[in-house]
Amino acid sequence: MYWNTKFSCLSTPYFGNVMTRNNFQLISKYLHCFDDTQPEAKKDNALYDPLHKFRLVLDALNCACKKHYIPKQLISIDESLIGLKNRTELIQYTPNKHHHKWGVKLYAVTESSSGYPLHTMVYCGKKRSQPVSQFGHSYDVVRELMLEASLLNKGYHLYVDNFYTSPTLAEFLYTQKTLLTGTLRSNRKGVPVMLKSAKHKVGECFYARKGPLLALSWKEKKSQKNPCLRLTTGSGAHMINHTHRNGQIKELPKTVSLYNQNMGGVDLLDQMVDHVAGERPFHKFWKKCFFSIIDRMAFCSYMYILYEQNTSVQWKLTRFRFMCNLVEELCATPEDQPVAIPIPVRQANLVHRAVLLPGKKEKDCVVCSDRSTPGGRKRSRTRCEGCGIGVHLKCFDQLDHATKKRK
């Protein structure tokens, strides 16, 4: 349709001027983002990676988002979905998602105010995921996302829903100098009985404290069947005036007000992506994932937010104009000499220290491991946080952080 010249109402000459239809079809046909010359592991092999088709693009997104941006204090974790119904083992059914119910599930940690993704992780199912710890799958997801995004021990305040919130998780994050606020399920282990069995009046709130953990039970209106439970380590037990979207001012517990304001980081990201996402059906599921990641990088999450927060001019480009300029630059020839959009970025301070890998993960030590010799491969349970490479504690002093090799 984009190359149609028969009907003037459907004609879009810009696409034909950039490339021919045959070239576009060839690029789409032979599009790859992985090394197809290397032997691929079988599905029954323990080394098989179900994300190998788009692993490089996903890793590039996570690396770039952490490298060029320092998030604000308030962050949130939630699940997202890339809608598709292809035949793949990655497909999940999520009934509470209204836009798409079938697709590839993503776990993401984002900045609450802007929706900027700090780390995105694809859920591969029970068979392909790491063994679940004694604290449960939701605990493992939060711990891995916070470790991969390097957000622990820095004073961040995390907001999560009742799928993740538990007293065990709150205590762990508090020991890592990270605050937590989230809704709480009544059947969670450690929830006070007095909060679950309390008889509420409308607007009445009950509190229970255990050290840094504060739990509350709150009934907002008469039609509410069960009271709403919250757990926090980052706010006190008092009421504040909360302004709703319609301008109405209502008295709410401070924990409830803060949760309502700062929980929607991932939802904001999905809303911005779906607004102008270039969605189209593909026979190969990984292409849908590939273009969804590109949408996250280009439109809302990565480039535009960096441009918006690092540009001091009075009249900034809108998202639509920013995308138009981006497309023009990518499609321009050397003779066109496009005017580049200045996007100054801030380099995060990388801390070079040995940290423990999450779960039972291991990496090759770049100092003492040598795969070319029999028995020369040495695995390490630690890695350098700044370089992101595996290294033993005893070999850490011999690591050159500039070249990521042995001195």
Protein backbone atom coordinates (compact mmCIF):
# COMPACT_ATOMS: atom_id res chain seq x y z
CA MET A 1 0.00 0.00 0.00
CA TYR A 2 2.87 2.40 0.74
CA TRP A 3 4.09 2.10 -2.87
CA ASN A 4 0.63 2.48 -4.45
CA THR A 5 0.57 5.10 -7.24
CA LYS A 6 -2.79 4.28 -8.82
CA PHE A 7 -5.02 6.17 -6.39
CA SER A 8 -4.02 9.66 -5.33
CA CYS A 9 -5.73 9.31 -1.96
CA LEU A 10 -3.48 6.35 -1.07
CA SER A 11 -0.25 7.57 -2.64
CA THR A 12 2.63 8.15 -0.20
CA PRO A 13 5.60 9.11 -2.41
CA TYR A 14 8.08 9.44 0.46
CA PHE A 15 8.49 5.65 0.81
CA GLY A 16 9.11 5.18 -2.90
CA ASN A 17 11.72 7.95 -2.89
CA VAL A 18 13.66 6.31 -0.05
CA MET A 19 13.73 2.76 -1.47
CA THR A 20 11.92 0.57 -3.94
CA ARG A 21 9.29 -1.92 -2.89
CA ASN A 22 11.49 -4.87 -3.93
CA ASN A 23 14.37 -3.63 -1.76
CA PHE A 24 12.03 -3.28 1.21
CA GLN A 25 10.72 -6.81 0.74
CA LEU A 26 14.26 -8.20 0.48
CA ILE A 27 15.35 -6.41 3.66
CA SER A 28 12.30 -7.75 5.50
CA LYS A 29 12.93 -11.25 4.20
CA TYR A 30 16.61 -11.44 5.15
CA LEU A 31 16.45 -9.40 8.35
CA HIS A 32 18.55 -11.04 11.08
CA CYS A 33 20.00 -9.79 14.35
CA PHE A 34 22.04 -12.86 15.31
CA ASP A 35 24.93 -14.87 13.88
CA ASP A 36 23.29 -17.51 11.72
CA THR A 37 26.64 -19.10 10.80
CA GLN A 38 27.19 -20.47 14.30
CA PRO A 39 25.67 -23.88 15.13
CA GLU A 40 22.38 -23.50 16.99
CA ALA A 41 21.74 -25.62 20.08
CA LYS A 42 18.78 -27.99 19.99
CA LYS A 43 15.70 -27.23 22.06
CA ASP A 44 16.33 -30.23 24.31
CA ASN A 45 19.87 -28.97 25.02
CA ALA A 46 20.50 -27.19 28.32
CA LEU A 47 22.46 -24.47 26.45
CA TYR A 48 19.51 -23.59 24.20
CA ASP A 49 18.50 -19.93 24.42
CA PRO A 50 14.88 -19.27 23.31
CA LEU A 51 15.73 -15.56 22.92
CA HIS A 52 18.74 -16.04 20.64
CA LYS A 53 16.86 -14.55 17.66
CA PHE A 54 16.68 -11.09 19.28
CA ARG A 55 19.00 -11.41 22.29
CA LEU A 56 21.51 -8.90 20.86
CA VAL A 57 18.87 -6.19 20.43
CA LEU A 58 17.49 -6.74 23.94
CA ASP A 59 20.97 -6.61 25.46
CA ALA A 60 21.74 -3.45 23.48
CA LEU A 61 18.59 -1.79 24.86
CA ASN A 62 19.43 -2.70 28.46
CA CYS A 63 23.05 -1.65 28.11
CA ALA A 64 22.27 1.72 26.50
CA CYS A 65 19.49 2.61 28.94
CA LYS A 66 21.75 2.06 31.96
CA LYS A 67 24.78 3.74 30.40
CA HIS A 68 23.32 7.12 29.46
CA TYR A 69 20.81 7.92 32.19
CA ILE A 70 20.70 8.22 35.97
CA PRO A 71 17.09 7.67 37.12
CA LYS A 72 15.28 9.65 39.77
CA GLN A 73 14.57 8.12 43.17
CA LEU A 74 11.07 6.75 42.46
CA ILE A 75 10.98 3.59 40.31
CA SER A 76 8.43 0.84 39.65
CA ILE A 77 8.37 -2.79 38.51
CA ASP A 78 5.53 -4.40 36.57
CA GLU A 79 4.92 -6.84 33.72
CA SER A 80 4.29 -5.87 30.10
CA LEU A 81 3.21 -7.83 27.02
CA ILE A 82 4.22 -7.95 23.35
CA GLY A 83 0.95 -9.05 21.75
CA LEU A 84 1.14 -11.99 19.33
CA LYS A 85 -0.40 -15.42 18.74
CA ASN A 86 2.44 -17.15 16.90
CA ARG A 87 3.53 -20.71 17.65
CA THR A 88 6.28 -20.24 20.19
CA GLU A 89 7.12 -21.57 23.63
CA LEU A 90 7.46 -18.00 24.91
CA ILE A 91 3.77 -17.16 24.53
CA GLN A 92 1.87 -16.46 27.74
CA TYR A 93 -1.78 -15.82 28.55
CA THR A 94 -2.36 -12.75 30.72
CA PRO A 95 -6.11 -12.20 31.26
CA ASN A 96 -5.77 -8.86 33.09
CA LYS A 97 -4.24 -7.19 30.02
CA HIS A 98 -6.97 -5.56 27.93
CA HIS A 99 -5.01 -4.56 24.81
CA HIS A 100 -3.36 -7.97 24.35
CA LYS A 101 -4.04 -11.15 26.30
CA TRP A 102 -1.65 -13.44 24.40
CA GLY A 103 1.99 -12.64 23.82
CA VAL A 104 5.55 -12.57 25.11
CA LYS A 105 5.66 -11.43 28.75
CA LEU A 106 8.22 -8.84 29.81
CA TYR A 107 9.28 -7.83 33.32
CA ALA A 108 10.56 -4.26 33.43
CA VAL A 109 11.84 -1.78 35.99
CA THR A 110 11.19 1.82 34.95
CA GLU A 111 11.38 5.35 36.26
CA SER A 112 7.95 6.21 37.66
CA SER A 113 7.68 9.78 36.37
CA SER A 114 8.79 9.24 32.75
CA GLY A 115 8.46 5.51 32.05
CA TYR A 116 12.16 5.28 31.13
CA PRO A 117 13.09 1.54 31.13
CA LEU A 118 16.14 0.74 33.24
CA HIS A 119 16.14 -3.01 32.58
CA THR A 120 13.81 -5.33 30.66
CA MET A 121 13.69 -9.09 31.08
CA VAL A 122 11.75 -11.63 28.98
CA TYR A 123 9.92 -14.40 30.81
CA CYS A 124 10.78 -17.73 29.13
CA GLY A 125 8.40 -19.98 31.10
CA LYS A 126 9.01 -22.43 33.92
CA LYS A 127 11.11 -24.82 31.86
CA ARG A 128 13.59 -22.21 30.60
CA SER A 129 13.79 -19.96 33.66
CA GLN A 130 16.14 -20.34 36.59
CA PRO A 131 14.95 -22.62 39.42
CA VAL A 132 12.61 -20.78 41.75
CA SER A 133 14.07 -19.97 45.16
CA GLN A 134 12.37 -20.67 48.48
CA PHE A 135 10.93 -17.13 48.46
CA GLY A 136 8.96 -17.54 45.22
CA HIS A 137 9.04 -16.40 41.61
CA SER A 138 7.98 -12.80 42.24
CA TYR A 139 10.78 -12.33 44.79
CA ASP A 140 13.33 -13.67 42.30
CA VAL A 141 12.07 -11.33 39.54
CA VAL A 142 12.43 -8.20 41.67
CA ARG A 143 15.84 -9.24 42.97
CA GLU A 144 17.22 -9.99 39.49
CA LEU A 145 15.85 -6.77 37.96
CA MET A 146 17.29 -4.63 40.75
CA LEU A 147 20.66 -6.38 40.51
CA GLU A 148 20.87 -6.16 36.71
CA ALA A 149 19.89 -2.48 36.76
CA SER A 150 22.41 -1.75 39.57
CA LEU A 151 19.76 -0.04 41.72
CA LEU A 152 20.48 -1.60 45.13
CA ASN A 153 22.29 0.22 47.95
CA LYS A 154 21.56 3.62 46.36
CA GLY A 155 18.47 4.81 48.26
CA TYR A 156 15.83 4.18 45.57
CA HIS A 157 12.12 3.83 46.39
CA LEU A 158 10.47 0.92 44.56
CA TYR A 159 6.71 0.62 43.85
CA VAL A 160 5.19 -2.77 42.99
CA ASP A 161 1.73 -4.39 42.88
CA ASN A 162 0.43 -7.30 44.97
CA PHE A 163 2.05 -9.92 42.72
CA TYR A 164 5.49 -8.92 44.04
CA THR A 165 4.85 -7.40 47.49
CA SER A 166 5.70 -9.54 50.51
CA PRO A 167 7.22 -8.89 53.95
CA THR A 168 10.23 -11.03 52.97
CA LEU A 169 10.93 -8.87 49.91
CA ALA A 170 10.49 -5.65 51.89
CA GLU A 171 12.97 -6.81 54.54
CA PHE A 172 15.51 -7.86 51.91
CA LEU A 173 15.30 -4.52 50.05
CA TYR A 174 15.56 -2.59 53.32
CA THR A 175 18.85 -4.34 54.12
CA GLN A 176 19.98 -3.23 50.63
CA LYS A 177 19.12 0.43 51.41
CA THR A 178 16.09 0.35 49.10
CA LEU A 179 12.57 1.35 50.12
CA LEU A 180 9.43 -0.52 49.03
CA THR A 181 5.75 0.39 48.73
CA GLY A 182 3.09 -1.87 47.26
CA THR A 183 -0.34 -3.44 47.56
CA LEU A 184 -0.45 -6.63 49.61
CA ARG A 185 -2.41 -9.87 49.26
CA SER A 186 -4.15 -11.01 52.42
CA ASN A 187 -2.89 -14.61 52.03
CA ARG A 188 0.78 -13.62 52.05
CA LYS A 189 2.88 -15.14 54.78
CA GLY A 190 3.51 -12.68 57.59
CA VAL A 191 0.43 -10.45 57.12
CA PRO A 192 -0.97 -9.48 60.57
CA VAL A 193 -4.24 -11.22 61.44
CA MET A 194 -5.64 -8.03 62.96
CA LEU A 195 -5.51 -6.31 59.55
CA LYS A 196 -7.18 -9.20 57.71
CA SER A 197 -10.01 -9.56 60.25
CA ALA A 198 -10.56 -5.86 61.01
CA LYS A 199 -14.12 -4.48 60.69
CA HIS A 200 -13.75 -1.20 58.81
CA LYS A 201 -15.92 1.86 58.56
CA VAL A 202 -15.73 3.99 55.43
CA GLY A 203 -12.56 6.07 55.50
CA GLU A 204 -11.12 4.18 58.46
CA CYS A 205 -7.52 2.94 58.41
CA PHE A 206 -5.73 0.39 60.63
CA TYR A 207 -1.93 0.20 60.95
CA ALA A 208 0.52 -2.47 62.12
CA ARG A 209 4.29 -2.06 62.37
CA LYS A 210 7.19 -4.50 62.61
CA GLY A 211 10.53 -2.71 62.68
CA PRO A 212 10.86 -0.74 59.40
CA LEU A 213 7.79 -2.49 57.90
CA LEU A 214 4.46 -0.65 58.07
CA ALA A 215 1.26 -2.44 56.97
CA LEU A 216 -2.12 -0.77 56.70
CA SER A 217 -5.70 -1.76 55.93
CA TRP A 218 -7.90 0.89 54.33
CA LYS A 219 -11.52 1.01 53.20
CA GLU A 220 -12.23 3.90 50.88
CA LYS A 221 -15.93 3.48 50.04
CA LYS A 222 -18.99 1.54 51.18
CA SER A 223 -19.28 -0.59 48.04
CA GLN A 224 -15.75 -1.93 48.58
CA LYS A 225 -16.12 -5.58 49.60
CA ASN A 226 -12.64 -6.19 51.04
CA PRO A 227 -10.29 -3.59 52.53
CA CYS A 228 -7.17 -2.65 50.60
CA LEU A 229 -3.88 -3.77 52.18
CA ARG A 230 -0.62 -1.86 51.70
CA LEU A 231 2.94 -2.55 52.83
CA THR A 232 5.66 0.08 52.93
CA THR A 233 9.06 0.89 54.35
CA GLY A 234 9.15 4.43 52.98
CA SER A 235 6.30 6.46 54.53
CA GLY A 236 4.63 7.11 57.87
CA ALA A 237 1.25 6.29 59.38
CA HIS A 238 -0.68 9.50 58.74
CA MET A 239 -3.28 10.97 56.37
CA ILE A 240 -2.74 13.62 53.69
CA ASN A 241 -4.93 15.53 51.23
CA HIS A 242 -4.77 13.84 47.81
CA THR A 243 -5.88 15.67 44.63
CA HIS A 244 -7.61 13.44 42.08
CA ARG A 245 -7.57 13.96 38.30
CA ASN A 246 -10.97 15.70 38.38
CA GLY A 247 -9.62 18.23 40.89
CA GLN A 248 -11.45 16.72 43.86
CA ILE A 249 -9.44 16.76 47.10
CA LYS A 250 -9.85 13.73 49.34
CA GLU A 251 -8.11 12.60 52.53
CA LEU A 252 -6.07 9.42 51.99
CA PRO A 253 -3.30 7.59 53.84
CA LYS A 254 0.07 8.86 52.64
CA THR A 255 1.10 5.36 51.52
CA VAL A 256 -1.99 5.03 49.32
CA SER A 257 -1.48 8.48 47.79
CA LEU A 258 2.18 7.85 46.96
CA TYR A 259 1.35 4.44 45.46
CA ASN A 260 -1.35 5.92 43.21
CA GLN A 261 1.04 8.58 41.93
CA ASN A 262 4.15 6.47 41.32
CA MET A 263 3.09 2.94 40.39
CA GLY A 264 2.32 3.53 36.70
CA GLY A 265 5.83 3.68 35.21
CA VAL A 266 5.51 0.51 33.10
CA ASP A 267 1.92 1.34 32.12
CA LEU A 268 3.09 4.78 30.97
CA LEU A 269 5.79 3.13 28.87
CA ASP A 270 3.26 0.77 27.25
CA GLN A 271 0.86 3.62 26.59
CA MET A 272 3.50 5.66 24.76
CA VAL A 273 4.69 2.67 22.73
CA ASP A 274 1.19 1.53 21.70
CA HIS A 275 0.19 5.04 20.64
CA VAL A 276 2.40 5.04 17.53
CA ALA A 277 3.78 1.49 17.46
CA GLY A 278 4.47 0.18 13.96
CA GLU A 279 2.64 -3.07 14.63
CA ARG A 280 2.05 -5.48 11.78
CA PRO A 281 1.64 -9.27 11.70
CA PHE A 282 4.70 -11.48 11.15
CA HIS A 283 4.95 -15.18 10.52
CA LYS A 284 8.10 -15.23 12.69
CA PHE A 285 7.43 -14.20 16.26
CA TRP A 286 10.91 -12.83 16.90
CA LYS A 287 10.42 -10.09 14.29
CA LYS A 288 7.45 -8.76 16.27
CA CYS A 289 9.65 -8.72 19.39
CA PHE A 290 12.48 -7.08 17.42
CA PHE A 291 10.34 -4.16 16.21
CA SER A 292 8.69 -3.79 19.62
CA ILE A 293 12.13 -3.30 21.19
CA ILE A 294 13.01 -0.78 18.47
CA ASP A 295 9.82 1.15 19.28
CA ARG A 296 10.81 1.27 22.95
CA MET A 297 14.29 2.50 22.11
CA ALA A 298 13.41 5.11 19.51
CA PHE A 299 10.04 6.63 20.29
CA CYS A 300 9.34 6.96 23.96
CA SER A 301 11.82 5.43 26.26
CA TYR A 302 15.39 5.96 25.22
CA MET A 303 16.10 8.68 22.67
CA TYR A 304 13.25 11.14 23.23
CA ILE A 305 13.43 11.19 27.02
CA LEU A 306 17.18 11.81 26.85
CA TYR A 307 16.55 14.62 24.36
CA GLU A 308 13.74 16.14 26.44
CA GLN A 309 15.56 16.12 29.78
CA ASN A 310 18.89 17.35 28.40
CA THR A 311 17.65 20.17 26.14
CA SER A 312 17.40 23.64 27.65
CA VAL A 313 15.77 25.44 24.70
CA GLN A 314 12.35 26.98 25.32
CA TRP A 315 10.57 25.31 22.40
CA LYS A 316 11.33 21.60 22.40
CA LEU A 317 10.33 19.19 19.68
CA THR A 318 7.17 17.19 20.24
CA ARG A 319 7.38 13.40 20.10
CA PHE A 320 5.88 13.40 16.62
CA ARG A 321 8.37 15.96 15.26
CA PHE A 322 11.23 14.18 16.99
CA MET A 323 10.28 10.91 15.28
CA CYS A 324 9.94 12.64 11.92
CA ASN A 325 13.43 14.12 12.27
CA LEU A 326 14.79 10.74 13.32
CA VAL A 327 13.29 9.04 10.26
CA GLU A 328 14.62 11.76 7.96
CA GLU A 329 18.13 11.39 9.36
CA LEU A 330 18.09 7.61 9.00
CA CYS A 331 16.83 7.82 5.41
CA ALA A 332 18.98 10.75 4.29
CA THR A 333 21.85 10.34 1.82
CA PRO A 334 25.29 11.95 2.43
CA GLU A 335 24.40 14.75 -0.01
CA ASP A 336 21.39 15.79 2.04
CA GLN A 337 23.54 16.83 5.03
CA PRO A 338 20.79 16.59 7.67
CA VAL A 339 20.93 18.79 10.73
CA ALA A 340 21.50 16.53 13.71
CA ILE A 341 19.49 16.94 16.90
CA PRO A 342 21.86 17.56 19.81
CA ILE A 343 21.23 14.99 22.52
CA PRO A 344 23.75 15.51 25.32
CA VAL A 345 23.88 12.57 27.67
CA ARG A 346 25.22 11.96 31.12
CA GLN A 347 27.61 9.13 31.79
CA ALA A 348 26.78 7.19 34.91
CA ASN A 349 29.64 6.63 37.34
CA LEU A 350 30.64 2.99 36.89
CA VAL A 351 31.82 1.33 40.11
CA HIS A 352 34.38 -1.40 39.53
CA ARG A 353 33.88 -3.92 42.28
CA ALA A 354 33.26 -7.66 42.53
CA VAL A 355 29.61 -8.55 43.10
CA LEU A 356 27.89 -11.92 43.39
CA LEU A 357 25.91 -13.11 40.36
CA PRO A 358 22.16 -13.68 41.00
CA GLY A 359 20.86 -17.19 41.60
CA LYS A 360 23.29 -19.89 40.47
CA LYS A 361 24.60 -18.04 37.43
CA GLU A 362 28.26 -18.31 36.47
CA LYS A 363 30.52 -16.56 33.97
CA ASP A 364 33.93 -17.33 32.51
CA CYS A 365 36.73 -15.54 34.36
CA VAL A 366 38.42 -13.23 31.81
CA VAL A 367 41.72 -13.46 33.69
CA CYS A 368 42.34 -17.18 34.25
CA SER A 369 39.85 -18.92 31.93
CA ASP A 370 41.07 -20.29 28.58
CA ARG A 371 38.67 -22.32 26.47
CA SER A 372 41.31 -23.15 23.85
CA THR A 373 43.05 -25.63 26.15
CA PRO A 374 41.49 -28.81 27.60
CA GLY A 375 40.28 -28.14 31.11
CA GLY A 376 41.24 -24.48 30.87
CA ARG A 377 37.76 -23.10 31.33
CA LYS A 378 37.31 -21.50 34.78
CA ARG A 379 33.86 -20.38 35.90
CA SER A 380 33.27 -17.59 38.42
CA ARG A 381 30.31 -16.84 40.68
CA THR A 382 31.27 -13.14 40.77
CA ARG A 383 31.53 -10.38 38.17
CA CYS A 384 32.83 -6.82 37.95
CA GLU A 385 29.85 -4.50 38.41
CA GLY A 386 31.31 -1.74 36.22
CA CYS A 387 32.56 -3.96 33.38
CA GLY A 388 29.82 -6.60 33.55
CA ILE A 389 32.28 -9.47 32.99
CA GLY A 390 33.04 -12.53 35.05
CA VAL A 391 36.14 -12.50 37.28
CA HIS A 392 37.24 -14.39 40.38
CA LEU A 393 37.85 -12.48 43.60
CA LYS A 394 41.47 -13.63 43.57
CA CYS A 395 41.87 -12.43 39.96
CA PHE A 396 40.15 -9.06 40.41
CA ASP A 397 43.40 -7.11 40.99
CA GLN A 398 44.82 -8.50 37.71
CA LEU A 399 41.89 -7.16 35.62
CA ASP A 400 42.40 -4.15 33.33
CA HIS A 401 39.01 -2.37 33.38
CA ALA A 402 39.78 -0.35 30.25
CA THR A 403 40.41 -3.35 27.99
CA LYS A 404 38.38 -5.85 30.07
CA LYS A 405 41.31 -8.26 29.87
CA ARG A 406 44.23 -9.37 31.99
CA LYS A 407 46.86 -6.72 32.68
